[in-house]
PDB file of N, CA and C in Angstrom:
ATOM      1  N   UNK A   1       8.416  -1.986 -31.075  1.00  0.00           N
ATOM      2  CA  UNK A   1       9.786  -2.388 -30.873  1.00  0.00           C
ATOM      3  C   UNK A   1      10.115  -2.265 -29.387  1.00  0.00           C
ATOM      4  N   UNK A   2      10.793  -3.259 -28.879  1.00  0.00           N
ATOM      5  CA  UNK A   2      11.256  -3.278 -27.503  1.00  0.00           C
ATOM      6  C   UNK A   2      12.747  -2.998 -27.516  1.00  0.00           C
ATOM      7  N   UNK A   3      13.175  -2.031 -26.715  1.00  0.00           N
ATOM      8  CA  UNK A   3      14.581  -1.623 -26.729  1.00  0.00           C
ATOM      9  C   UNK A   3      15.014  -1.187 -25.336  1.00  0.00           C
ATOM     10  N   UNK A   4      16.303  -0.910 -25.185  1.00  0.00           N
ATOM     11  CA  UNK A   4      16.838  -0.411 -23.924  1.00  0.00           C
ATOM     12  C   UNK A   4      17.647   0.850 -24.178  1.00  0.00           C
ATOM     13  N   UNK A   5      17.713   1.705 -23.145  1.00  0.00           N
ATOM     14  CA  UNK A   5      18.397   2.986 -23.306  1.00  0.00           C
ATOM     15  C   UNK A   5      18.812   3.504 -21.932  1.00  0.00           C
ATOM     16  N   UNK A   6      19.982   4.106 -21.865  1.00  0.00           N
ATOM     17  CA  UNK A   6      20.433   4.708 -20.605  1.00  0.00           C
ATOM     18  C   UNK A   6      19.582   5.927 -20.277  1.00  0.00           C
ATOM     19  N   UNK A   7      19.321   6.109 -19.019  1.00  0.00           N
ATOM     20  CA  UNK A   7      18.521   7.243 -18.563  1.00  0.00           C
ATOM     21  C   UNK A   7      19.228   8.565 -18.847  1.00  0.00           C
ATOM     22  N   UNK A   8      20.547   8.516 -19.005  1.00  0.00           N
ATOM     23  CA  UNK A   8      21.323   9.733 -19.252  1.00  0.00           C
ATOM     24  C   UNK A   8      21.276  10.173 -20.715  1.00  0.00           C
ATOM     25  N   UNK A   9      20.739   9.320 -21.592  1.00  0.00           N
ATOM     26  CA  UNK A   9      20.549   9.693 -22.996  1.00  0.00           C
ATOM     27  C   UNK A   9      19.223  10.453 -23.105  1.00  0.00           C
ATOM     28  N   UNK A  10      19.189  11.409 -23.993  1.00  0.00           N
ATOM     29  CA  UNK A  10      17.977  12.215 -24.162  1.00  0.00           C
ATOM     30  C   UNK A  10      16.799  11.352 -24.616  1.00  0.00           C
ATOM     31  N   UNK A  11      15.657  11.611 -24.026  1.00  0.00           N
ATOM     32  CA  UNK A  11      14.430  10.935 -24.445  1.00  0.00           C
ATOM     33  C   UNK A  11      13.995  11.502 -25.786  1.00  0.00           C
ATOM     34  N   UNK A  12      13.362  10.641 -26.602  1.00  0.00           N
ATOM     35  CA  UNK A  12      12.790  11.126 -27.854  1.00  0.00           C
ATOM     36  C   UNK A  12      11.497  10.371 -28.128  1.00  0.00           C
ATOM     37  N   UNK A  13      10.650  10.893 -28.996  1.00  0.00           N
ATOM     38  CA  UNK A  13       9.352  10.263 -29.252  1.00  0.00           C
ATOM     39  C   UNK A  13       9.445   8.799 -29.697  1.00  0.00           C
ATOM     40  N   UNK A  14      10.525   8.419 -30.375  1.00  0.00           N
ATOM     41  CA  UNK A  14      10.674   7.039 -30.832  1.00  0.00           C
ATOM     42  C   UNK A  14      10.838   6.056 -29.670  1.00  0.00           C
ATOM     43  N   UNK A  15      11.146   6.563 -28.487  1.00  0.00           N
ATOM     44  CA  UNK A  15      11.269   5.690 -27.313  1.00  0.00           C
ATOM     45  C   UNK A  15       9.925   5.074 -26.946  1.00  0.00           C
ATOM     46  N   UNK A  16       8.856   5.766 -27.229  1.00  0.00           N
ATOM     47  CA  UNK A  16       7.535   5.285 -26.844  1.00  0.00           C
ATOM     48  C   UNK A  16       7.371   5.303 -25.340  1.00  0.00           C
ATOM     49  N   UNK A  17       6.864   4.206 -24.805  1.00  0.00           N
ATOM     50  CA  UNK A  17       6.630   4.065 -23.365  1.00  0.00           C
ATOM     51  C   UNK A  17       7.965   3.813 -22.679  1.00  0.00           C
ATOM     52  N   UNK A  18       8.359   4.707 -21.784  1.00  0.00           N
ATOM     53  CA  UNK A  18       9.655   4.622 -21.104  1.00  0.00           C
ATOM     54  C   UNK A  18       9.455   4.139 -19.671  1.00  0.00           C
ATOM     55  N   UNK A  19      10.082   2.991 -19.373  1.00  0.00           N
ATOM     56  CA  UNK A  19       9.947   2.422 -18.040  1.00  0.00           C
ATOM     57  C   UNK A  19      11.327   2.203 -17.420  1.00  0.00           C
ATOM     58  N   UNK A  20      11.545   2.826 -16.281  1.00  0.00           N
ATOM     59  CA  UNK A  20      12.804   2.659 -15.559  1.00  0.00           C
ATOM     60  C   UNK A  20      12.784   1.300 -14.877  1.00  0.00           C
ATOM     61  N   UNK A  21      13.805   0.500 -15.119  1.00  0.00           N
ATOM     62  CA  UNK A  21      13.887  -0.837 -14.530  1.00  0.00           C
ATOM     63  C   UNK A  21      15.159  -0.951 -13.678  1.00  0.00           C
ATOM     64  N   UNK A  22      15.327  -0.010 -12.783  1.00  0.00           N
ATOM     65  CA  UNK A  22      16.406  -0.005 -11.795  1.00  0.00           C
ATOM     66  C   UNK A  22      15.781   0.081 -10.411  1.00  0.00           C
ATOM     67  N   UNK A  23      16.394  -0.584  -9.453  1.00  0.00           N
ATOM     68  CA  UNK A  23      15.881  -0.544  -8.080  1.00  0.00           C
ATOM     69  C   UNK A  23      16.110   0.820  -7.436  1.00  0.00           C
ATOM     70  N   UNK A  24      17.243   1.447  -7.767  1.00  0.00           N
ATOM     71  CA  UNK A  24      17.591   2.742  -7.193  1.00  0.00           C
ATOM     72  C   UNK A  24      17.394   3.837  -8.229  1.00  0.00           C
ATOM     73  N   UNK A  25      17.013   5.020  -7.757  1.00  0.00           N
ATOM     74  CA  UNK A  25      16.872   6.147  -8.679  1.00  0.00           C
ATOM     75  C   UNK A  25      18.254   6.551  -9.187  1.00  0.00           C
ATOM     76  N   UNK A  26      18.404   6.813 -10.491  1.00  0.00           N
ATOM     77  CA  UNK A  26      19.713   7.174 -11.059  1.00  0.00           C
ATOM     78  C   UNK A  26      20.272   8.469 -10.468  1.00  0.00           C
ATOM     79  N   UNK A  27      21.543   8.442 -10.172  1.00  0.00           N
ATOM     80  CA  UNK A  27      22.213   9.618  -9.608  1.00  0.00           C
ATOM     81  C   UNK A  27      22.214  10.774 -10.596  1.00  0.00           C
ATOM     82  N   UNK A  28      21.943  11.950 -10.070  1.00  0.00           N
ATOM     83  CA  UNK A  28      22.048  13.162 -10.864  1.00  0.00           C
ATOM     84  C   UNK A  28      20.938  13.390 -11.867  1.00  0.00           C
ATOM     85  N   UNK A  29      19.870  12.608 -11.796  1.00  0.00           N
ATOM     86  CA  UNK A  29      18.767  12.744 -12.754  1.00  0.00           C
ATOM     87  C   UNK A  29      17.515  13.214 -12.012  1.00  0.00           C
ATOM     88  N   UNK A  30      16.982  14.334 -12.430  1.00  0.00           N
ATOM     89  CA  UNK A  30      15.738  14.827 -11.844  1.00  0.00           C
ATOM     90  C   UNK A  30      14.567  14.022 -12.402  1.00  0.00           C
ATOM     91  N   UNK A  31      13.590  13.769 -11.580  1.00  0.00           N
ATOM     92  CA  UNK A  31      12.439  12.980 -12.028  1.00  0.00           C
ATOM     93  C   UNK A  31      11.730  13.634 -13.203  1.00  0.00           C
ATOM     94  N   UNK A  32      11.730  14.939 -13.249  1.00  0.00           N
ATOM     95  CA  UNK A  32      11.085  15.630 -14.369  1.00  0.00           C
ATOM     96  C   UNK A  32      11.909  15.509 -15.647  1.00  0.00           C
ATOM     97  N   UNK A  33      13.209  15.435 -15.522  1.00  0.00           N
ATOM     98  CA  UNK A  33      14.100  15.335 -16.681  1.00  0.00           C
ATOM     99  C   UNK A  33      14.072  13.945 -17.307  1.00  0.00           C
ATOM    100  N   UNK A  34      13.860  12.921 -16.502  1.00  0.00           N
ATOM    101  CA  UNK A  34      13.930  11.536 -16.981  1.00  0.00           C
ATOM    102  C   UNK A  34      12.834  11.194 -17.988  1.00  0.00           C
ATOM    103  N   UNK A  35      11.727  11.895 -17.938  1.00  0.00           N
ATOM    104  CA  UNK A  35      10.600  11.669 -18.855  1.00  0.00           C
ATOM    105  C   UNK A  35      10.192  10.194 -18.892  1.00  0.00           C
ATOM    106  N   UNK A  36       9.869   9.672 -17.729  1.00  0.00           N
ATOM    107  CA  UNK A  36       9.481   8.268 -17.596  1.00  0.00           C
ATOM    108  C   UNK A  36       7.967   8.133 -17.491  1.00  0.00           C
ATOM    109  N   UNK A  37       7.475   7.017 -18.004  1.00  0.00           N
ATOM    110  CA  UNK A  37       6.061   6.697 -17.867  1.00  0.00           C
ATOM    111  C   UNK A  37       5.811   5.808 -16.656  1.00  0.00           C
ATOM    112  N   UNK A  38       6.859   5.096 -16.230  1.00  0.00           N
ATOM    113  CA  UNK A  38       6.717   4.185 -15.099  1.00  0.00           C
ATOM    114  C   UNK A  38       8.099   3.888 -14.528  1.00  0.00           C
ATOM    115  N   UNK A  39       8.098   3.381 -13.307  1.00  0.00           N
ATOM    116  CA  UNK A  39       9.330   2.942 -12.647  1.00  0.00           C
ATOM    117  C   UNK A  39       9.001   1.623 -11.977  1.00  0.00           C
ATOM    118  N   UNK A  40       9.578   0.532 -12.453  1.00  0.00           N
ATOM    119  CA  UNK A  40       9.304  -0.784 -11.898  1.00  0.00           C
ATOM    120  C   UNK A  40      10.537  -1.286 -11.160  1.00  0.00           C
ATOM    121  N   UNK A  41      10.508  -1.192  -9.846  1.00  0.00           N
ATOM    122  CA  UNK A  41      11.612  -1.674  -9.011  1.00  0.00           C
ATOM    123  C   UNK A  41      11.485  -3.170  -8.748  1.00  0.00           C
ATOM    124  N   UNK A  42      10.256  -3.676  -8.784  1.00  0.00           N
ATOM    125  CA  UNK A  42       9.987  -5.051  -8.373  1.00  0.00           C
ATOM    126  C   UNK A  42      10.610  -6.095  -9.289  1.00  0.00           C
ATOM    127  N   UNK A  43      10.875  -5.746 -10.530  1.00  0.00           N
ATOM    128  CA  UNK A  43      11.392  -6.716 -11.496  1.00  0.00           C
ATOM    129  C   UNK A  43      12.923  -6.702 -11.569  1.00  0.00           C
ATOM    130  N   UNK A  44      13.543  -5.853 -10.795  1.00  0.00           N
ATOM    131  CA  UNK A  44      15.001  -5.715 -10.821  1.00  0.00           C
ATOM    132  C   UNK A  44      15.663  -6.754  -9.922  1.00  0.00           C
ATOM    133  N   UNK A  45      16.966  -6.955 -10.077  1.00  0.00           N
ATOM    134  CA  UNK A  45      17.661  -7.902  -9.185  1.00  0.00           C
ATOM    135  C   UNK A  45      17.550  -7.453  -7.725  1.00  0.00           C
ATOM    136  N   UNK A  46      17.560  -8.419  -6.834  1.00  0.00           N
ATOM    137  CA  UNK A  46      17.546  -8.081  -5.416  1.00  0.00           C
ATOM    138  C   UNK A  46      18.803  -7.283  -5.071  1.00  0.00           C
ATOM    139  N   UNK A  47      18.726  -6.574  -3.978  1.00  0.00           N
ATOM    140  CA  UNK A  47      19.879  -5.791  -3.527  1.00  0.00           C
ATOM    141  C   UNK A  47      21.088  -6.695  -3.318  1.00  0.00           C
ATOM    142  N   UNK A  48      20.864  -7.865  -2.740  1.00  0.00           N
ATOM    143  CA  UNK A  48      21.968  -8.802  -2.491  1.00  0.00           C
ATOM    144  C   UNK A  48      22.627  -9.233  -3.795  1.00  0.00           C
ATOM    145  N   UNK A  49      21.830  -9.575  -4.801  1.00  0.00           N
ATOM    146  CA  UNK A  49      22.389 -10.007  -6.084  1.00  0.00           C
ATOM    147  C   UNK A  49      23.091  -8.852  -6.784  1.00  0.00           C
ATOM    148  N   UNK A  50      22.491  -7.692  -6.740  1.00  0.00           N
ATOM    149  CA  UNK A  50      23.099  -6.519  -7.376  1.00  0.00           C
ATOM    150  C   UNK A  50      24.454  -6.206  -6.753  1.00  0.00           C
ATOM    151  N   UNK A  51      24.521  -6.250  -5.436  1.00  0.00           N
ATOM    152  CA  UNK A  51      25.795  -5.975  -4.753  1.00  0.00           C
ATOM    153  C   UNK A  51      26.829  -7.050  -5.049  1.00  0.00           C
ATOM    154  N   UNK A  52      26.402  -8.312  -5.092  1.00  0.00           N
ATOM    155  CA  UNK A  52      27.330  -9.399  -5.395  1.00  0.00           C
ATOM    156  C   UNK A  52      27.919  -9.219  -6.795  1.00  0.00           C
ATOM    157  N   UNK A  53      27.077  -8.930  -7.769  1.00  0.00           N
ATOM    158  CA  UNK A  53      27.525  -8.772  -9.158  1.00  0.00           C
ATOM    159  C   UNK A  53      28.464  -7.582  -9.303  1.00  0.00           C
ATOM    160  N   UNK A  54      28.077  -6.451  -8.774  1.00  0.00           N
ATOM    161  CA  UNK A  54      28.897  -5.234  -8.786  1.00  0.00           C
ATOM    162  C   UNK A  54      29.402  -4.881 -10.186  1.00  0.00           C
ATOM    163  N   UNK A  55      28.647  -5.225 -11.207  1.00  0.00           N
ATOM    164  CA  UNK A  55      28.960  -4.923 -12.613  1.00  0.00           C
ATOM    165  C   UNK A  55      30.332  -5.441 -13.047  1.00  0.00           C
ATOM    166  N   UNK A  56      30.703  -6.605 -12.531  1.00  0.00           N
ATOM    167  CA  UNK A  56      31.964  -7.234 -12.915  1.00  0.00           C
ATOM    168  C   UNK A  56      31.691  -8.194 -14.074  1.00  0.00           C
ATOM    169  N   UNK A  57      32.228  -7.909 -15.258  1.00  0.00           N
ATOM    170  CA  UNK A  57      31.969  -8.767 -16.418  1.00  0.00           C
ATOM    171  C   UNK A  57      32.272 -10.248 -16.183  1.00  0.00           C
ATOM    172  N   UNK A  58      33.276 -10.558 -15.382  1.00  0.00           N
ATOM    173  CA  UNK A  58      33.632 -11.956 -15.126  1.00  0.00           C
ATOM    174  C   UNK A  58      32.517 -12.706 -14.393  1.00  0.00           C
ATOM    175  N   UNK A  59      31.663 -11.999 -13.694  1.00  0.00           N
ATOM    176  CA  UNK A  59      30.564 -12.614 -12.947  1.00  0.00           C
ATOM    177  C   UNK A  59      29.256 -12.632 -13.742  1.00  0.00           C
ATOM    178  N   UNK A  60      29.260 -12.109 -14.960  1.00  0.00           N
ATOM    179  CA  UNK A  60      28.004 -11.906 -15.677  1.00  0.00           C
ATOM    180  C   UNK A  60      27.241 -13.202 -15.944  1.00  0.00           C
ATOM    181  N   UNK A  61      27.935 -14.258 -16.317  1.00  0.00           N
ATOM    182  CA  UNK A  61      27.251 -15.522 -16.607  1.00  0.00           C
ATOM    183  C   UNK A  61      26.521 -16.046 -15.368  1.00  0.00           C
ATOM    184  N   UNK A  62      27.200 -16.042 -14.232  1.00  0.00           N
ATOM    185  CA  UNK A  62      26.573 -16.487 -12.986  1.00  0.00           C
ATOM    186  C   UNK A  62      25.464 -15.522 -12.573  1.00  0.00           C
ATOM    187  N   UNK A  63      25.688 -14.237 -12.774  1.00  0.00           N
ATOM    188  CA  UNK A  63      24.671 -13.233 -12.470  1.00  0.00           C
ATOM    189  C   UNK A  63      23.408 -13.489 -13.293  1.00  0.00           C
ATOM    190  N   UNK A  64      23.597 -13.787 -14.574  1.00  0.00           N
ATOM    191  CA  UNK A  64      22.456 -14.054 -15.453  1.00  0.00           C
ATOM    192  C   UNK A  64      21.641 -15.237 -14.929  1.00  0.00           C
ATOM    193  N   UNK A  65      22.317 -16.304 -14.578  1.00  0.00           N
ATOM    194  CA  UNK A  65      21.639 -17.491 -14.056  1.00  0.00           C
ATOM    195  C   UNK A  65      20.853 -17.155 -12.795  1.00  0.00           C
ATOM    196  N   UNK A  66      21.479 -16.427 -11.890  1.00  0.00           N
ATOM    197  CA  UNK A  66      20.826 -16.070 -10.628  1.00  0.00           C
ATOM    198  C   UNK A  66      19.662 -15.104 -10.849  1.00  0.00           C
ATOM    199  N   UNK A  67      19.848 -14.146 -11.735  1.00  0.00           N
ATOM    200  CA  UNK A  67      18.777 -13.172 -11.992  1.00  0.00           C
ATOM    201  C   UNK A  67      17.575 -13.847 -12.655  1.00  0.00           C
ATOM    202  N   UNK A  68      17.818 -14.730 -13.603  1.00  0.00           N
ATOM    203  CA  UNK A  68      16.710 -15.449 -14.238  1.00  0.00           C
ATOM    204  C   UNK A  68      15.958 -16.305 -13.223  1.00  0.00           C
ATOM    205  N   UNK A  69      16.685 -16.879 -12.264  1.00  0.00           N
ATOM    206  CA  UNK A  69      16.032 -17.648 -11.196  1.00  0.00           C
ATOM    207  C   UNK A  69      15.174 -16.725 -10.329  1.00  0.00           C
ATOM    208  N   UNK A  70      15.679 -15.530 -10.050  1.00  0.00           N
ATOM    209  CA  UNK A  70      14.882 -14.566  -9.285  1.00  0.00           C
ATOM    210  C   UNK A  70      13.613 -14.186 -10.039  1.00  0.00           C
ATOM    211  N   UNK A  71      13.742 -13.948 -11.329  1.00  0.00           N
ATOM    212  CA  UNK A  71      12.568 -13.580 -12.129  1.00  0.00           C
ATOM    213  C   UNK A  71      11.539 -14.709 -12.122  1.00  0.00           C
ATOM    214  N   UNK A  72      12.013 -15.952 -12.245  1.00  0.00           N
ATOM    215  CA  UNK A  72      11.104 -17.102 -12.258  1.00  0.00           C
ATOM    216  C   UNK A  72      10.286 -17.187 -10.968  1.00  0.00           C
ATOM    217  N   UNK A  73      10.867 -16.738  -9.861  1.00  0.00           N
ATOM    218  CA  UNK A  73      10.181 -16.770  -8.568  1.00  0.00           C
ATOM    219  C   UNK A  73       9.505 -15.447  -8.211  1.00  0.00           C
ATOM    220  N   UNK A  74       9.614 -14.465  -9.079  1.00  0.00           N
ATOM    221  CA  UNK A  74       9.134 -13.114  -8.776  1.00  0.00           C
ATOM    222  C   UNK A  74       7.641 -12.993  -9.091  1.00  0.00           C
ATOM    223  N   UNK A  75       6.853 -12.711  -8.080  1.00  0.00           N
ATOM    224  CA  UNK A  75       5.406 -12.582  -8.266  1.00  0.00           C
ATOM    225  C   UNK A  75       5.033 -11.375  -9.121  1.00  0.00           C
ATOM    226  N   UNK A  76       5.953 -10.447  -9.289  1.00  0.00           N
ATOM    227  CA  UNK A  76       5.686  -9.253 -10.105  1.00  0.00           C
ATOM    228  C   UNK A  76       5.869  -9.522 -11.601  1.00  0.00           C
ATOM    229  N   UNK A  77       6.502 -10.641 -11.962  1.00  0.00           N
ATOM    230  CA  UNK A  77       6.807 -10.905 -13.370  1.00  0.00           C
ATOM    231  C   UNK A  77       5.564 -10.965 -14.261  1.00  0.00           C
ATOM    232  N   UNK A  78       4.522 -11.738 -13.936  1.00  0.00           N
ATOM    233  CA  UNK A  78       3.369 -11.811 -14.851  1.00  0.00           C
ATOM    234  C   UNK A  78       2.750 -10.445 -15.157  1.00  0.00           C
ATOM    235  N   UNK A  79       2.609  -9.608 -14.152  1.00  0.00           N
ATOM    236  CA  UNK A  79       2.031  -8.276 -14.378  1.00  0.00           C
ATOM    237  C   UNK A  79       2.963  -7.417 -15.224  1.00  0.00           C
ATOM    238  N   UNK A  80       4.265  -7.543 -14.991  1.00  0.00           N
ATOM    239  CA  UNK A  80       5.237  -6.776 -15.778  1.00  0.00           C
ATOM    240  C   UNK A  80       5.196  -7.217 -17.238  1.00  0.00           C
ATOM    241  N   UNK A  81       5.201  -8.523 -17.465  1.00  0.00           N
ATOM    242  CA  UNK A  81       5.132  -9.050 -18.832  1.00  0.00           C
ATOM    243  C   UNK A  81       3.854  -8.566 -19.523  1.00  0.00           C
ATOM    244  N   UNK A  82       2.736  -8.594 -18.820  1.00  0.00           N
ATOM    245  CA  UNK A  82       1.465  -8.140 -19.387  1.00  0.00           C
ATOM    246  C   UNK A  82       1.512  -6.648 -19.711  1.00  0.00           C
ATOM    247  N   UNK A  83       2.104  -5.872 -18.824  1.00  0.00           N
ATOM    248  CA  UNK A  83       2.238  -4.432 -19.056  1.00  0.00           C
ATOM    249  C   UNK A  83       3.036  -4.166 -20.334  1.00  0.00           C
ATOM    250  N   UNK A  84       4.118  -4.890 -20.517  1.00  0.00           N
ATOM    251  CA  UNK A  84       4.949  -4.707 -21.711  1.00  0.00           C
ATOM    252  C   UNK A  84       4.159  -5.108 -22.957  1.00  0.00           C
ATOM    253  N   UNK A  85       3.445  -6.225 -22.890  1.00  0.00           N
ATOM    254  CA  UNK A  85       2.610  -6.655 -24.025  1.00  0.00           C
ATOM    255  C   UNK A  85       1.602  -5.566 -24.407  1.00  0.00           C
ATOM    256  N   UNK A  86       0.931  -5.030 -23.420  1.00  0.00           N
ATOM    257  CA  UNK A  86      -0.089  -4.007 -23.676  1.00  0.00           C
ATOM    258  C   UNK A  86       0.519  -2.752 -24.284  1.00  0.00           C
ATOM    259  N   UNK A  87       1.653  -2.344 -23.780  1.00  0.00           N
ATOM    260  CA  UNK A  87       2.288  -1.138 -24.308  1.00  0.00           C
ATOM    261  C   UNK A  87       2.824  -1.365 -25.719  1.00  0.00           C
ATOM    262  N   UNK A  88       3.346  -2.556 -25.987  1.00  0.00           N
ATOM    263  CA  UNK A  88       3.845  -2.854 -27.334  1.00  0.00           C
ATOM    264  C   UNK A  88       2.716  -2.898 -28.359  1.00  0.00           C
ATOM    265  N   UNK A  89       1.508  -3.174 -27.908  1.00  0.00           N
ATOM    266  CA  UNK A  89       0.359  -3.199 -28.818  1.00  0.00           C
ATOM    267  C   UNK A  89       0.049  -1.810 -29.368  1.00  0.00           C
ATOM    268  N   UNK A  90       0.504  -0.768 -28.665  1.00  0.00           N
ATOM    269  CA  UNK A  90       0.222   0.599 -29.115  1.00  0.00           C
ATOM    270  C   UNK A  90       1.464   1.374 -29.550  1.00  0.00           C
ATOM    271  N   UNK A  91       2.653   0.811 -29.321  1.00  0.00           N
ATOM    272  CA  UNK A  91       3.864   1.533 -29.725  1.00  0.00           C
ATOM    273  C   UNK A  91       5.129   0.924 -29.156  1.00  0.00           C
ATOM    274  N   UNK A  92       6.205   1.652 -29.279  1.00  0.00           N
ATOM    275  CA  UNK A  92       7.504   1.198 -28.785  1.00  0.00           C
ATOM    276  C   UNK A  92       7.542   1.211 -27.261  1.00  0.00           C
ATOM    277  N   UNK A  93       8.418   0.370 -26.721  1.00  0.00           N
ATOM    278  CA  UNK A  93       8.673   0.340 -25.284  1.00  0.00           C
ATOM    279  C   UNK A  93      10.181   0.392 -25.090  1.00  0.00           C
ATOM    280  N   UNK A  94      10.618   1.275 -24.202  1.00  0.00           N
ATOM    281  CA  UNK A  94      12.041   1.408 -23.904  1.00  0.00           C
ATOM    282  C   UNK A  94      12.276   1.114 -22.432  1.00  0.00           C
ATOM    283  N   UNK A  95      13.133   0.115 -22.178  1.00  0.00           N
ATOM    284  CA  UNK A  95      13.561  -0.189 -20.820  1.00  0.00           C
ATOM    285  C   UNK A  95      14.706   0.757 -20.499  1.00  0.00           C
ATOM    286  N   UNK A  96      14.515   1.593 -19.520  1.00  0.00           N
ATOM    287  CA  UNK A  96      15.481   2.638 -19.185  1.00  0.00           C
ATOM    288  C   UNK A  96      16.280   2.194 -17.960  1.00  0.00           C
ATOM    289  N   UNK A  97      17.586   2.433 -18.003  1.00  0.00           N
ATOM    290  CA  UNK A  97      18.481   1.995 -16.930  1.00  0.00           C
ATOM    291  C   UNK A  97      19.612   3.000 -16.757  1.00  0.00           C
ATOM    292  N   UNK A  98      20.376   2.862 -15.671  1.00  0.00           N
ATOM    293  CA  UNK A  98      21.453   3.806 -15.383  1.00  0.00           C
ATOM    294  C   UNK A  98      22.853   3.218 -15.532  1.00  0.00           C
ATOM    295  N   UNK A  99      22.994   1.919 -15.582  1.00  0.00           N
ATOM    296  CA  UNK A  99      24.323   1.287 -15.611  1.00  0.00           C
ATOM    297  C   UNK A  99      25.188   1.853 -16.735  1.00  0.00           C
ATOM    298  N   UNK A 100      26.478   1.977 -16.447  1.00  0.00           N
ATOM    299  CA  UNK A 100      27.410   2.517 -17.442  1.00  0.00           C
ATOM    300  C   UNK A 100      27.680   1.536 -18.577  1.00  0.00           C
ATOM    301  N   UNK A 101      27.750   0.259 -18.246  1.00  0.00           N
ATOM    302  CA  UNK A 101      28.107  -0.758 -19.234  1.00  0.00           C
ATOM    303  C   UNK A 101      26.854  -1.252 -19.955  1.00  0.00           C
ATOM    304  N   UNK A 102      26.744  -1.001 -21.258  1.00  0.00           N
ATOM    305  CA  UNK A 102      25.538  -1.414 -21.991  1.00  0.00           C
ATOM    306  C   UNK A 102      25.480  -2.913 -22.292  1.00  0.00           C
ATOM    307  N   UNK A 103      26.547  -3.636 -21.989  1.00  0.00           N
ATOM    308  CA  UNK A 103      26.605  -5.064 -22.310  1.00  0.00           C
ATOM    309  C   UNK A 103      26.453  -5.957 -21.083  1.00  0.00           C
ATOM    310  N   UNK A 104      26.975  -5.518 -19.954  1.00  0.00           N
ATOM    311  CA  UNK A 104      26.972  -6.331 -18.739  1.00  0.00           C
ATOM    312  C   UNK A 104      26.110  -5.679 -17.661  1.00  0.00           C
ATOM    313  N   UNK A 105      24.809  -5.773 -17.848  1.00  0.00           N
ATOM    314  CA  UNK A 105      23.868  -5.264 -16.851  1.00  0.00           C
ATOM    315  C   UNK A 105      22.573  -6.074 -16.911  1.00  0.00           C
ATOM    316  N   UNK A 106      21.750  -5.936 -15.906  1.00  0.00           N
ATOM    317  CA  UNK A 106      20.536  -6.748 -15.807  1.00  0.00           C
ATOM    318  C   UNK A 106      19.524  -6.467 -16.912  1.00  0.00           C
ATOM    319  N   UNK A 107      19.557  -5.286 -17.497  1.00  0.00           N
ATOM    320  CA  UNK A 107      18.569  -4.945 -18.522  1.00  0.00           C
ATOM    321  C   UNK A 107      18.805  -5.749 -19.801  1.00  0.00           C
ATOM    322  N   UNK A 108      20.042  -6.096 -20.081  1.00  0.00           N
ATOM    323  CA  UNK A 108      20.350  -6.963 -21.226  1.00  0.00           C
ATOM    324  C   UNK A 108      19.623  -8.300 -21.051  1.00  0.00           C
ATOM    325  N   UNK A 109      19.670  -8.832 -19.854  1.00  0.00           N
ATOM    326  CA  UNK A 109      19.019 -10.112 -19.545  1.00  0.00           C
ATOM    327  C   UNK A 109      17.500  -9.961 -19.610  1.00  0.00           C
ATOM    328  N   UNK A 110      17.001  -8.905 -19.017  1.00  0.00           N
ATOM    329  CA  UNK A 110      15.559  -8.649 -19.001  1.00  0.00           C
ATOM    330  C   UNK A 110      15.012  -8.458 -20.413  1.00  0.00           C
ATOM    331  N   UNK A 111      15.716  -7.710 -21.226  1.00  0.00           N
ATOM    332  CA  UNK A 111      15.299  -7.472 -22.609  1.00  0.00           C
ATOM    333  C   UNK A 111      15.261  -8.779 -23.400  1.00  0.00           C
ATOM    334  N   UNK A 112      16.305  -9.597 -23.268  1.00  0.00           N
ATOM    335  CA  UNK A 112      16.356 -10.878 -23.986  1.00  0.00           C
ATOM    336  C   UNK A 112      15.221 -11.797 -23.541  1.00  0.00           C
ATOM    337  N   UNK A 113      14.955 -11.843 -22.248  1.00  0.00           N
ATOM    338  CA  UNK A 113      13.869 -12.680 -21.740  1.00  0.00           C
ATOM    339  C   UNK A 113      12.520 -12.201 -22.266  1.00  0.00           C
ATOM    340  N   UNK A 114      12.288 -10.908 -22.217  1.00  0.00           N
ATOM    341  CA  UNK A 114      11.026 -10.371 -22.731  1.00  0.00           C
ATOM    342  C   UNK A 114      10.845 -10.689 -24.210  1.00  0.00           C
ATOM    343  N   UNK A 115      11.894 -10.506 -24.990  1.00  0.00           N
ATOM    344  CA  UNK A 115      11.792 -10.808 -26.421  1.00  0.00           C
ATOM    345  C   UNK A 115      11.481 -12.278 -26.642  1.00  0.00           C
ATOM    346  N   UNK A 116      12.079 -13.139 -25.839  1.00  0.00           N
ATOM    347  CA  UNK A 116      11.843 -14.579 -25.972  1.00  0.00           C
ATOM    348  C   UNK A 116      10.390 -14.929 -25.649  1.00  0.00           C
ATOM    349  N   UNK A 117       9.874 -14.436 -24.537  1.00  0.00           N
ATOM    350  CA  UNK A 117       8.506 -14.795 -24.153  1.00  0.00           C
ATOM    351  C   UNK A 117       7.460 -14.101 -25.022  1.00  0.00           C
ATOM    352  N   UNK A 118       7.772 -12.920 -25.507  1.00  0.00           N
ATOM    353  CA  UNK A 118       6.811 -12.208 -26.347  1.00  0.00           C
ATOM    354  C   UNK A 118       6.740 -12.790 -27.756  1.00  0.00           C
ATOM    355  N   UNK A 119       7.824 -13.419 -28.197  1.00  0.00           N
ATOM    356  CA  UNK A 119       7.843 -14.032 -29.526  1.00  0.00           C
ATOM    357  C   UNK A 119       7.208 -15.413 -29.532  1.00  0.00           C
ATOM    358  N   UNK A 120       7.030 -15.998 -28.347  1.00  0.00           N
ATOM    359  CA  UNK A 120       6.480 -17.360 -28.310  1.00  0.00           C
ATOM    360  C   UNK A 120       4.976 -17.361 -28.195  1.00  0.00           C
TER     361      UNK A 120
END
């Protein structure tokens, strides 16, 4: 199962492989406490796009379009997709993030894209 979870929520065995998909390290979280298996900054929105979006729900549709365009041009995408495929072959994968809003953030877009490409 592929899922997403805030880094501030307690890790549990059902999370499986935990990968942080934020460009910046989450505030107030010790690296030992986060219980992460990996941290992939390369697949996250660029700093410019992240700052432009600023987690404003009204900008989410345009943000989604721009982020998907970034992913399409991102040389790190094929390796990231392969990593997720390999980890899903042995168990659950949890995309870990720090954003407060569980509906309007880049991980929602990333999760939907991964599910789409992995199902095809």
